[in-house]
Amino acid sequence: MFSLYILILISLLVAAGAFGLYIWAVKTGQFEDLEETKYQVFDEDDEVPPGSHHGTKTK
């Protein structure tokens, strides 16, 4: 019977941890604008990062 109490306690702790992670994700904006990320592939980057040699020919 004692092991049943331990298992219930462990399951409640895991559930509280999962709920805490969910609250953290909502507060930090993890669920904001879920549609934009799949369209970021199609965004064209006209800027060349400094230090890159994109588009230059080497001898």
Protein backbone atom coordinates (compact mmCIF):
# COMPACT_ATOMS: atom_id res chain seq x y z
CA MET A 1 0.00 0.00 0.00
CA PHE A 2 2.89 2.31 0.73
CA SER A 3 4.19 1.92 -2.84
CA LEU A 4 0.81 3.09 -4.17
CA TYR A 5 1.15 6.34 -2.23
CA ILE A 6 4.65 6.83 -3.64
CA LEU A 7 3.42 6.25 -7.20
CA ILE A 8 0.55 8.70 -6.72
CA LEU A 9 2.95 11.29 -5.34
CA ILE A 10 5.34 10.80 -8.26
CA SER A 11 2.50 11.08 -10.80
CA LEU A 12 1.27 14.29 -9.17
CA LEU A 13 4.77 15.75 -9.28
CA VAL A 14 5.17 14.86 -12.95
CA ALA A 15 1.76 16.35 -13.76
CA ALA A 16 2.62 19.54 -11.85
CA GLY A 17 5.92 19.77 -13.73
CA ALA A 18 4.18 19.34 -17.09
CA PHE A 19 1.63 21.99 -16.15
CA GLY A 20 4.43 24.32 -15.06
CA LEU A 21 6.22 23.84 -18.38
CA TYR A 22 2.99 24.58 -20.22
CA ILE A 23 2.46 27.80 -18.26
CA TRP A 24 6.08 28.81 -18.93
CA ALA A 25 5.64 28.16 -22.67
CA VAL A 26 2.48 30.26 -22.81
CA LYS A 27 4.06 33.15 -20.89
CA THR A 28 7.19 33.21 -23.06
CA GLY A 29 5.19 33.28 -26.29
CA GLN A 30 5.98 29.81 -27.59
CA PHE A 31 2.49 29.46 -29.04
CA GLU A 32 2.35 32.86 -30.71
CA ASP A 33 2.01 32.95 -34.51
CA LEU A 34 2.40 29.28 -35.35
CA GLU A 35 1.78 29.97 -39.04
CA GLU A 36 4.73 32.28 -39.73
CA THR A 37 7.52 29.76 -39.30
CA LYS A 38 6.46 27.63 -42.25
CA TYR A 39 6.61 30.69 -44.53
CA GLN A 40 10.06 31.85 -43.41
CA VAL A 41 11.61 29.52 -45.98
CA PHE A 42 10.18 31.68 -48.75
CA ASP A 43 11.54 34.97 -47.40
CA GLU A 44 14.34 36.28 -49.55
CA ASP A 45 17.39 37.57 -47.78
CA ASP A 46 18.93 40.40 -49.81
CA GLU A 47 21.48 41.13 -47.14
CA VAL A 48 24.83 39.39 -47.23
CA PRO A 49 26.18 38.75 -43.73
CA PRO A 50 29.45 40.53 -43.02
CA GLY A 51 32.48 38.37 -43.52
CA SER A 52 30.84 36.04 -46.02
CA HIS A 53 32.18 35.80 -49.53
CA HIS A 54 28.88 34.94 -51.15
CA GLY A 55 28.85 35.93 -54.81
CA THR A 56 32.56 36.74 -55.10
CA LYS A 57 34.86 34.85 -57.36
CA THR A 58 38.16 33.51 -56.14
CA LYS A 59 41.25 33.31 -58.30
